[in-house]
Structures are given as C-alpha cells and as structure tokens.
Amino acid sequence: MLDLLSAEPDRQAAYLQASGVGVDEILLQFDDVLHVARARVGDRSLSHEEFLLLQSVNGHADAVSAGPESIWTELALEEAVEWRELRAAARAAKVSLERSWSQDFDNSPKSLDG
C-alpha cells in the first residue's frame, strides 16, 4: 500500500482508472492497512516504532481528508500540496520500514542446514 501511496500522481491515477474507483480509495486502503498494523502491534509482529511510522503517514492522510472537496480529483493528486506531502511521508515510511525489515532479516538466526 505504501507503494501506491508514495507513487507519482500519474501512477496513482492509472491505478484508480484501472480499478474503477475514486481517489478516496487510496486513503480507504491505507486505513485498512492501519487497522491491520494495530493488530500486528498487539501480536508483536510489528514494533511500536514501525507503527509510529505508519501513524505519521496517517497524519498526512488526515490532512488530505480535511481538505476541500476538490481534493478528491485526479487533478488534485498532482496539484494539491496535501497529496504531495502525503506521498513524501509515505515514501519516507516505506524506506524506513524496508530498512528495518532488512536489518531484522539480516540479524535473524541462520540455519546450519544449508
């Protein structure tokens, strides 16, 4: 989901057109991810710090949601500062999460089997 959220406006618009959904679908899908992430913090498969990264993205998503009705157009994906800031926040979170998960993988116990 962070791939789509951080994607350039033309890629986001192409996704929306191919899916036959409105611009709000991007935020609805992220909201679904956030609900799953909360559960993952509870079962400890996602750290609190990783969840905070998603929460920071959510703050920018809230700013988009609070914007004028014109924010819900494909043109706004390109022109509205709220969408640009959301993409930047999603990109930063994605990079941080990928780095964190890569380190977790690199630090995981290695099998001696082979």
C-alpha atoms as a PDB file:
ATOM      1  CA  MET A   1       0.000   0.000   0.000  1.00  0.00           C
ATOM      2  CA  LEU A   2       2.863   2.374   0.708  1.00  0.00           C
ATOM      3  CA  ASP A   3       3.992   1.783  -2.889  1.00  0.00           C
ATOM      4  CA  LEU A   4       0.722   3.206  -4.182  1.00  0.00           C
ATOM      5  CA  LEU A   5       0.566   5.945  -1.565  1.00  0.00           C
ATOM      6  CA  SER A   6       4.084   7.116  -2.432  1.00  0.00           C
ATOM      7  CA  ALA A   7       3.708   6.684  -6.203  1.00  0.00           C
ATOM      8  CA  GLU A   8       3.769   9.605  -8.607  1.00  0.00           C
ATOM      9  CA  PRO A   9       0.350  11.119  -9.382  1.00  0.00           C
ATOM     10  CA  ASP A  10       0.166   9.620 -12.876  1.00  0.00           C
ATOM     11  CA  ARG A  11       0.719   6.114 -11.498  1.00  0.00           C
ATOM     12  CA  GLN A  12      -1.915   6.689  -8.806  1.00  0.00           C
ATOM     13  CA  ALA A  13      -4.383   7.936 -11.439  1.00  0.00           C
ATOM     14  CA  ALA A  14      -3.663   4.927 -13.670  1.00  0.00           C
ATOM     15  CA  TYR A  15      -4.324   2.592 -10.741  1.00  0.00           C
ATOM     16  CA  LEU A  16      -7.605   4.335  -9.948  1.00  0.00           C
ATOM     17  CA  GLN A  17      -8.739   4.229 -13.584  1.00  0.00           C
ATOM     18  CA  ALA A  18      -7.815   0.554 -13.945  1.00  0.00           C
ATOM     19  CA  SER A  19      -9.609  -0.278 -10.693  1.00  0.00           C
ATOM     20  CA  GLY A  20     -12.656   1.827 -11.498  1.00  0.00           C
ATOM     21  CA  VAL A  21     -12.594   3.548  -8.106  1.00  0.00           C
ATOM     22  CA  GLY A  22     -12.431   7.127  -6.894  1.00  0.00           C
ATOM     23  CA  VAL A  23      -9.468   8.976  -5.465  1.00  0.00           C
ATOM     24  CA  ASP A  24     -10.705   8.340  -1.921  1.00  0.00           C
ATOM     25  CA  GLU A  25      -9.944   4.642  -2.401  1.00  0.00           C
ATOM     26  CA  ILE A  26      -6.245   5.342  -1.867  1.00  0.00           C
ATOM     27  CA  LEU A  27      -6.946   6.574   1.660  1.00  0.00           C
ATOM     28  CA  LEU A  28      -9.521   3.872   2.329  1.00  0.00           C
ATOM     29  CA  GLN A  29      -6.974   1.184   1.510  1.00  0.00           C
ATOM     30  CA  PHE A  30      -4.380   2.831   3.727  1.00  0.00           C
ATOM     31  CA  ASP A  31      -6.920   2.956   6.548  1.00  0.00           C
ATOM     32  CA  ASP A  32      -7.380  -0.808   6.151  1.00  0.00           C
ATOM     33  CA  VAL A  33      -3.623  -1.271   6.411  1.00  0.00           C
ATOM     34  CA  LEU A  34      -3.541   0.849   9.552  1.00  0.00           C
ATOM     35  CA  HIS A  35      -6.177  -1.358  11.199  1.00  0.00           C
ATOM     36  CA  VAL A  36      -4.144  -4.470  10.386  1.00  0.00           C
ATOM     37  CA  ALA A  37      -0.992  -2.756  11.668  1.00  0.00           C
ATOM     38  CA  ARG A  38      -2.670  -2.069  15.018  1.00  0.00           C
ATOM     39  CA  ALA A  39      -3.415  -5.774  15.340  1.00  0.00           C
ATOM     40  CA  ARG A  40       0.168  -6.599  14.369  1.00  0.00           C
ATOM     41  CA  VAL A  41       1.482  -4.404  17.163  1.00  0.00           C
ATOM     42  CA  GLY A  42      -0.751  -6.372  19.518  1.00  0.00           C
ATOM     43  CA  ASP A  43       0.680  -9.706  18.392  1.00  0.00           C
ATOM     44  CA  ARG A  44       4.187  -8.196  18.258  1.00  0.00           C
ATOM     45  CA  SER A  45       4.782  -8.901  14.580  1.00  0.00           C
ATOM     46  CA  LEU A  46       5.104  -5.131  14.102  1.00  0.00           C
ATOM     47  CA  SER A  47       7.050  -2.966  16.505  1.00  0.00           C
ATOM     48  CA  HIS A  48       5.660   0.138  18.120  1.00  0.00           C
ATOM     49  CA  GLU A  49       8.292   2.210  16.284  1.00  0.00           C
ATOM     50  CA  GLU A  50       7.208   0.741  12.940  1.00  0.00           C
ATOM     51  CA  PHE A  51       3.593   1.510  13.780  1.00  0.00           C
ATOM     52  CA  LEU A  52       4.557   5.110  14.599  1.00  0.00           C
ATOM     53  CA  LEU A  53       5.933   5.439  11.069  1.00  0.00           C
ATOM     54  CA  LEU A  54       2.531   4.458   9.720  1.00  0.00           C
ATOM     55  CA  GLN A  55       0.862   6.831  12.169  1.00  0.00           C
ATOM     56  CA  SER A  56       2.927   9.697  10.781  1.00  0.00           C
ATOM     57  CA  VAL A  57       1.659   8.852   7.307  1.00  0.00           C
ATOM     58  CA  ASN A  58      -1.843   8.748   8.732  1.00  0.00           C
ATOM     59  CA  GLY A  59      -1.453  12.326   9.947  1.00  0.00           C
ATOM     60  CA  HIS A  60      -0.853  13.387   6.361  1.00  0.00           C
ATOM     61  CA  ALA A  61      -3.787  11.261   5.205  1.00  0.00           C
ATOM     62  CA  ASP A  62      -5.941  13.121   7.719  1.00  0.00           C
ATOM     63  CA  ALA A  63      -4.771  16.417   6.193  1.00  0.00           C
ATOM     64  CA  VAL A  64      -5.912  15.206   2.778  1.00  0.00           C
ATOM     65  CA  SER A  65      -9.261  14.147   4.226  1.00  0.00           C
ATOM     66  CA  ALA A  66      -9.714  17.558   5.819  1.00  0.00           C
ATOM     67  CA  GLY A  67      -9.063  19.299   2.511  1.00  0.00           C
ATOM     68  CA  PRO A  68     -11.681  20.859   0.264  1.00  0.00           C
ATOM     69  CA  GLU A  69     -13.939  18.720  -1.898  1.00  0.00           C
ATOM     70  CA  SER A  70     -11.678  19.459  -4.857  1.00  0.00           C
ATOM     71  CA  ILE A  71      -9.002  17.289  -3.174  1.00  0.00           C
ATOM     72  CA  TRP A  72     -10.861  14.178  -4.393  1.00  0.00           C
ATOM     73  CA  THR A  73      -9.974  14.589  -8.072  1.00  0.00           C
ATOM     74  CA  GLU A  74      -7.199  13.077 -10.136  1.00  0.00           C
ATOM     75  CA  LEU A  75      -6.031  16.601 -10.923  1.00  0.00           C
ATOM     76  CA  ALA A  76      -5.633  17.247  -7.190  1.00  0.00           C
ATOM     77  CA  LEU A  77      -3.341  14.200  -6.939  1.00  0.00           C
ATOM     78  CA  GLU A  78      -0.873  16.230  -8.957  1.00  0.00           C
ATOM     79  CA  GLU A  79      -1.604  19.763  -7.808  1.00  0.00           C
ATOM     80  CA  ALA A  80      -2.641  19.671  -4.142  1.00  0.00           C
ATOM     81  CA  VAL A  81       0.104  20.190  -1.589  1.00  0.00           C
ATOM     82  CA  GLU A  82      -1.671  17.776   0.774  1.00  0.00           C
ATOM     83  CA  TRP A  83      -1.245  14.907  -1.690  1.00  0.00           C
ATOM     84  CA  ARG A  84       2.415  15.829  -2.296  1.00  0.00           C
ATOM     85  CA  GLU A  85       3.107  15.849   1.437  1.00  0.00           C
ATOM     86  CA  LEU A  86       1.288  12.532   1.859  1.00  0.00           C
ATOM     87  CA  ARG A  87       3.371  10.951  -0.909  1.00  0.00           C
ATOM     88  CA  ALA A  88       6.584  12.233   0.706  1.00  0.00           C
ATOM     89  CA  ALA A  89       5.567  10.886   4.129  1.00  0.00           C
ATOM     90  CA  ALA A  90       4.627   7.513   2.621  1.00  0.00           C
ATOM     91  CA  ARG A  91       7.939   7.361   0.765  1.00  0.00           C
ATOM     92  CA  ALA A  92       9.886   8.103   3.962  1.00  0.00           C
ATOM     93  CA  ALA A  93       7.930   5.499   5.947  1.00  0.00           C
ATOM     94  CA  LYS A  94       8.411   2.913   3.222  1.00  0.00           C
ATOM     95  CA  VAL A  95      12.170   3.452   3.158  1.00  0.00           C
ATOM     96  CA  SER A  96      12.401   3.265   6.960  1.00  0.00           C
ATOM     97  CA  LEU A  97      10.262   0.125   7.144  1.00  0.00           C
ATOM     98  CA  GLU A  98      12.224  -1.586   4.380  1.00  0.00           C
ATOM     99  CA  ARG A  99      15.475  -0.737   6.178  1.00  0.00           C
ATOM    100  CA  SER A 100      14.113  -2.015   9.492  1.00  0.00           C
ATOM    101  CA  TRP A 101      12.804  -5.237   7.994  1.00  0.00           C
ATOM    102  CA  SER A 102      16.024  -5.794   6.064  1.00  0.00           C
ATOM    103  CA  GLN A 103      18.010  -5.449   9.292  1.00  0.00           C
ATOM    104  CA  ASP A 104      15.623  -7.846  11.030  1.00  0.00           C
ATOM    105  CA  PHE A 105      16.176 -10.345   8.226  1.00  0.00           C
ATOM    106  CA  ASP A 106      19.945  -9.854   8.279  1.00  0.00           C
ATOM    107  CA  ASN A 107      20.011 -10.331  12.065  1.00  0.00           C
ATOM    108  CA  SER A 108      17.777 -13.392  12.126  1.00  0.00           C
ATOM    109  CA  PRO A 109      19.373 -16.687  13.156  1.00  0.00           C
ATOM    110  CA  LYS A 110      20.814 -18.562  10.185  1.00  0.00           C
ATOM    111  CA  SER A 111      20.097 -22.210   9.625  1.00  0.00           C
ATOM    112  CA  LEU A 112      23.052 -24.541   9.747  1.00  0.00           C
ATOM    113  CA  ASP A 113      21.265 -26.941   7.422  1.00  0.00           C
ATOM    114  CA  GLY A 114      22.409 -25.492   4.318  1.00  0.00           C
END
